[in-house]
Protein backbone atom coordinates (compact mmCIF):
# COMPACT_ATOMS: atom_id res chain seq x y z
CA UNK A 1 25.66 150.25 106.00
CA UNK A 2 26.38 152.64 103.11
CA UNK A 3 22.70 153.06 102.20
CA UNK A 4 21.70 153.55 105.84
CA UNK A 5 24.33 156.25 106.34
CA UNK A 6 22.83 158.31 103.52
CA UNK A 7 19.35 158.13 105.02
CA UNK A 8 20.09 159.68 108.42
CA UNK A 9 21.14 163.23 109.37
CA UNK A 10 24.74 162.69 110.40
CA UNK A 11 26.75 165.30 112.32
CA UNK A 12 28.79 167.33 109.85
CA UNK A 13 31.59 168.10 112.28
CA UNK A 14 32.71 165.44 114.77
CA UNK A 15 35.50 166.11 117.29
CA UNK A 16 37.24 163.35 119.22
CA UNK A 17 38.97 164.18 122.49
CA UNK A 18 40.80 162.56 125.38
CA UNK A 19 44.24 162.40 127.00
CA UNK A 20 47.50 161.37 125.35
CA UNK A 21 47.51 157.75 124.22
CA UNK A 22 43.78 157.14 124.43
CA UNK A 23 43.34 156.56 120.67
CA UNK A 24 41.91 159.81 119.27
CA UNK A 25 43.71 159.85 115.93
CA UNK A 26 43.13 156.18 115.21
CA UNK A 27 39.40 156.58 115.82
CA UNK A 28 39.21 159.81 113.83
CA UNK A 29 40.75 158.13 110.79
CA UNK A 30 38.43 155.13 111.11
CA UNK A 31 35.28 157.25 111.38
CA UNK A 32 36.45 159.38 108.46
CA UNK A 33 36.80 156.24 106.35
CA UNK A 34 33.38 154.90 107.40
CA UNK A 35 31.48 158.10 106.62
CA UNK A 36 33.75 159.33 103.81
CA UNK A 37 34.60 162.42 105.89
CA UNK A 38 37.71 164.58 105.73
CA UNK A 39 40.12 163.74 108.56
CA UNK A 40 41.22 166.94 110.29
CA UNK A 41 44.19 165.97 112.46
CA UNK A 42 46.68 167.54 114.84
CA UNK A 43 50.28 167.80 113.65
CA UNK A 44 52.46 167.44 116.78
CA UNK A 45 55.56 166.60 114.74
CA UNK A 46 55.57 170.17 113.41
CA UNK A 47 56.02 171.66 116.89
CA UNK A 48 59.76 172.42 117.26
CA UNK A 49 59.46 172.82 121.05
CA UNK A 50 57.67 169.55 121.81
CA UNK A 51 60.60 167.15 122.16
CA UNK A 52 62.34 169.49 124.58
CA UNK A 53 59.09 169.88 126.52
CA UNK A 54 58.93 166.14 127.11
CA UNK A 55 62.44 166.23 128.61
CA UNK A 56 62.23 169.57 130.42
CA UNK A 57 58.60 170.71 130.75
CA UNK A 58 59.16 173.87 132.77
CA UNK A 59 61.69 175.24 130.29
CA UNK A 60 59.58 174.87 127.14
CA UNK A 61 55.97 174.75 128.32
CA UNK A 62 54.89 178.23 127.22
CA UNK A 63 56.55 178.05 123.80
CA UNK A 64 55.14 174.57 123.22
CA UNK A 65 51.63 175.59 124.19
CA UNK A 66 51.56 178.82 122.18
CA UNK A 67 52.85 177.00 119.09
CA UNK A 68 50.06 174.42 119.39
CA UNK A 69 47.46 177.15 119.94
CA UNK A 70 48.51 179.08 116.83
CA UNK A 71 48.82 175.87 114.82
CA UNK A 72 45.33 174.62 115.73
CA UNK A 73 43.71 177.97 115.02
CA UNK A 74 45.57 178.25 111.72
CA UNK A 75 44.19 174.86 110.70
CA UNK A 76 40.67 176.05 111.49
CA UNK A 77 41.17 179.37 109.66
CA UNK A 78 42.57 177.61 106.59
CA UNK A 79 39.53 175.37 106.44
CA UNK A 80 37.15 178.30 106.80
CA UNK A 81 38.90 180.26 104.06
CA UNK A 82 38.60 177.30 101.69
CA UNK A 83 34.89 177.01 102.59
CA UNK A 84 35.42 173.45 103.76
CA UNK A 85 33.13 174.04 106.70
CA UNK A 86 30.34 173.47 104.20
CA UNK A 87 31.51 169.85 103.91
CA UNK A 88 31.90 167.16 106.56
CA UNK A 89 34.88 166.35 108.74
CA UNK A 90 36.13 164.53 111.81
CA UNK A 91 38.87 166.05 113.98
CA UNK A 92 41.08 164.53 116.67
CA UNK A 93 40.93 167.67 118.82
CA UNK A 94 38.79 170.45 120.22
CA UNK A 95 40.38 173.89 120.34
CA UNK A 96 39.35 174.02 124.02
CA UNK A 97 41.77 171.18 124.75
CA UNK A 98 44.63 173.60 124.28
CA UNK A 99 43.69 175.45 127.45
CA UNK A 100 43.50 172.18 129.41
CA UNK A 101 47.11 171.40 128.57
CA UNK A 102 48.11 174.97 129.37
CA UNK A 103 46.52 174.80 132.81
CA UNK A 104 48.50 171.65 133.59
CA UNK A 105 51.87 172.90 132.36
CA UNK A 106 52.10 176.69 132.77
CA UNK A 107 52.89 178.87 135.77
CA UNK A 108 50.33 181.45 136.91
CA UNK A 109 52.21 184.25 135.17
CA UNK A 110 52.51 182.26 131.94
CA UNK A 111 48.85 181.32 132.15
CA UNK A 112 47.84 184.99 132.34
CA UNK A 113 49.73 185.69 129.11
CA UNK A 114 48.40 182.54 127.46
CA UNK A 115 44.79 183.43 128.33
CA UNK A 116 45.10 186.83 126.69
CA UNK A 117 46.30 185.23 123.47
CA UNK A 118 43.74 182.40 123.65
CA UNK A 119 40.76 184.71 124.19
CA UNK A 120 41.82 186.89 121.28
CA UNK A 121 42.36 184.25 118.60
CA UNK A 122 39.63 181.72 119.44
CA UNK A 123 36.73 184.17 119.48
CA UNK A 124 35.15 182.78 116.28
CA UNK A 125 36.14 179.11 116.61
CA UNK A 126 33.23 176.87 115.50
CA UNK A 127 31.63 174.25 117.74
CA UNK A 128 31.32 170.65 116.54
CA UNK A 129 28.00 168.91 115.98
CA UNK A 130 29.14 165.93 118.09
CA UNK A 131 32.01 165.36 120.52
CA UNK A 132 33.38 161.93 121.40
CA UNK A 133 35.35 161.85 124.66
CA UNK A 134 37.55 158.78 125.14
CA UNK A 135 38.36 157.95 128.77
CA UNK A 136 41.00 155.57 130.14
CA UNK A 137 42.85 155.14 133.46
CA UNK A 138 46.48 156.13 133.82
CA UNK A 139 47.90 152.60 133.60
CA UNK A 140 46.15 152.03 130.28
CA UNK A 141 47.39 155.36 128.89
CA UNK A 142 50.95 154.67 129.99
CA UNK A 143 50.87 151.20 128.42
CA UNK A 144 49.56 152.51 125.11
CA UNK A 145 52.10 155.35 125.05
CA UNK A 146 54.86 152.84 125.65
CA UNK A 147 53.65 150.52 122.89
CA UNK A 148 53.50 153.20 120.21
CA UNK A 149 57.23 153.72 120.61
CA UNK A 150 57.67 157.50 120.59
CA UNK A 151 60.99 157.87 122.42
CA UNK A 152 60.27 161.38 123.66
CA UNK A 153 56.84 160.41 125.02
CA UNK A 154 58.52 157.95 127.36
CA UNK A 155 59.55 160.97 129.46
CA UNK A 156 55.92 161.69 130.34
CA UNK A 157 55.43 161.13 134.05
CA UNK A 158 52.53 159.48 135.81
CA UNK A 159 51.97 162.75 137.68
CA UNK A 160 51.59 164.65 134.41
CA UNK A 161 49.18 162.08 132.97
CA UNK A 162 47.12 162.13 136.17
CA UNK A 163 46.84 165.91 136.08
CA UNK A 164 45.85 165.79 132.42
CA UNK A 165 43.28 163.07 132.99
CA UNK A 166 41.77 165.06 135.86
CA UNK A 167 41.65 168.20 133.70
CA UNK A 168 39.72 166.34 131.00
CA UNK A 169 37.29 164.88 133.54
CA UNK A 170 36.55 168.30 135.01
CA UNK A 171 36.15 169.88 131.59
CA UNK A 172 33.65 167.35 130.28
CA UNK A 173 31.72 167.15 133.55
CA UNK A 174 29.81 170.30 132.61
CA UNK A 175 30.39 170.37 128.84
CA UNK A 176 27.23 171.30 126.94
CA UNK A 177 28.41 173.06 123.77
CA UNK A 178 27.55 169.99 121.67
CA UNK A 179 26.09 166.48 122.09
CA UNK A 180 28.65 164.36 123.91
CA UNK A 181 29.49 160.64 123.77
CA UNK A 182 31.66 159.53 126.71
CA UNK A 183 33.36 156.20 126.00
CA UNK A 184 35.24 153.94 128.37
CA UNK A 185 38.15 153.30 126.02
CA UNK A 186 39.84 150.95 128.48
CA UNK A 187 37.16 148.27 128.15
CA UNK A 188 36.44 148.40 124.43
CA UNK A 189 38.55 148.07 121.30
CA UNK A 190 37.35 150.54 118.71
CA UNK A 191 40.33 149.89 116.47
CA UNK A 192 40.04 146.18 115.75
CA UNK A 193 36.84 144.84 117.33
CA UNK A 194 34.03 145.36 114.85
CA UNK A 195 31.23 144.81 117.38
CA UNK A 196 32.55 147.61 119.57
CA UNK A 197 33.05 149.89 116.58
CA UNK A 198 29.64 149.15 115.07
CA UNK A 199 28.01 150.00 118.40
CA UNK A 200 29.66 153.40 118.28
CA UNK A 201 28.62 153.98 114.67
CA UNK A 202 25.05 153.06 115.53
CA UNK A 203 25.09 155.60 118.35
CA UNK A 204 26.48 158.31 116.08
CA UNK A 205 23.77 157.58 113.51
CA UNK A 206 21.04 157.83 116.16
CA UNK A 207 21.46 161.63 116.31
CA UNK A 208 22.28 161.66 120.05
CA UNK A 209 21.42 164.63 122.23
CA UNK A 210 22.93 165.79 125.50
CA UNK A 211 25.42 163.62 127.38
CA UNK A 212 25.64 159.89 126.61
CA UNK A 213 27.78 157.22 128.28
CA UNK A 214 29.01 154.16 126.39
CA UNK A 215 30.40 151.39 128.60
CA UNK A 216 30.30 148.05 126.74
CA UNK A 217 31.62 144.85 128.22
CA UNK A 218 35.34 144.23 127.67
CA UNK A 219 36.11 142.99 124.18
CA UNK A 220 37.30 139.47 123.58
CA UNK A 221 39.99 139.48 120.91
């Protein structure tokens, strides 16, 4: 595979998106290892408002969201200043995802304030060369969140996850800023099943255009 990878024009900036628990970070790290890319990952543990948000969303939603917005844009600005956008990377987020979470959690008044900040600081945010959108139903997300053992995430309600899943579906329905791979992450195992993962790598290496759906048969592990 190594020789083949060098012979094809790979996307230099890949972004992986999807709701909480769908497997974004795991896949980002695996693709980074396969292509020898830099992994460009979110840092939720650095958000001092997040744990309280899980327990009392209405009280900490705006502070939580603004911290994430500034954090994500700072990551992008740091990379640009170090000229790392001349290299290759895979990220486990799109900056646009920040607004999706805001729309689910903020009041109308808070959203007005958030939008003013968002529009100001994201004006020069770069677009990826390829976006991978991982989909999964609510029961699968809830099960994966439970298994990864983050105590605070156990406070996430089914209603919240449903709203978030719907927000992602609406966003990617008309997304056309970059080629898009939509993957049914409930029926495949990109982490440990090599056939599933190799199918994805083959698709990435094919220089996909437009919107592409990947729905393999369920993996047998």
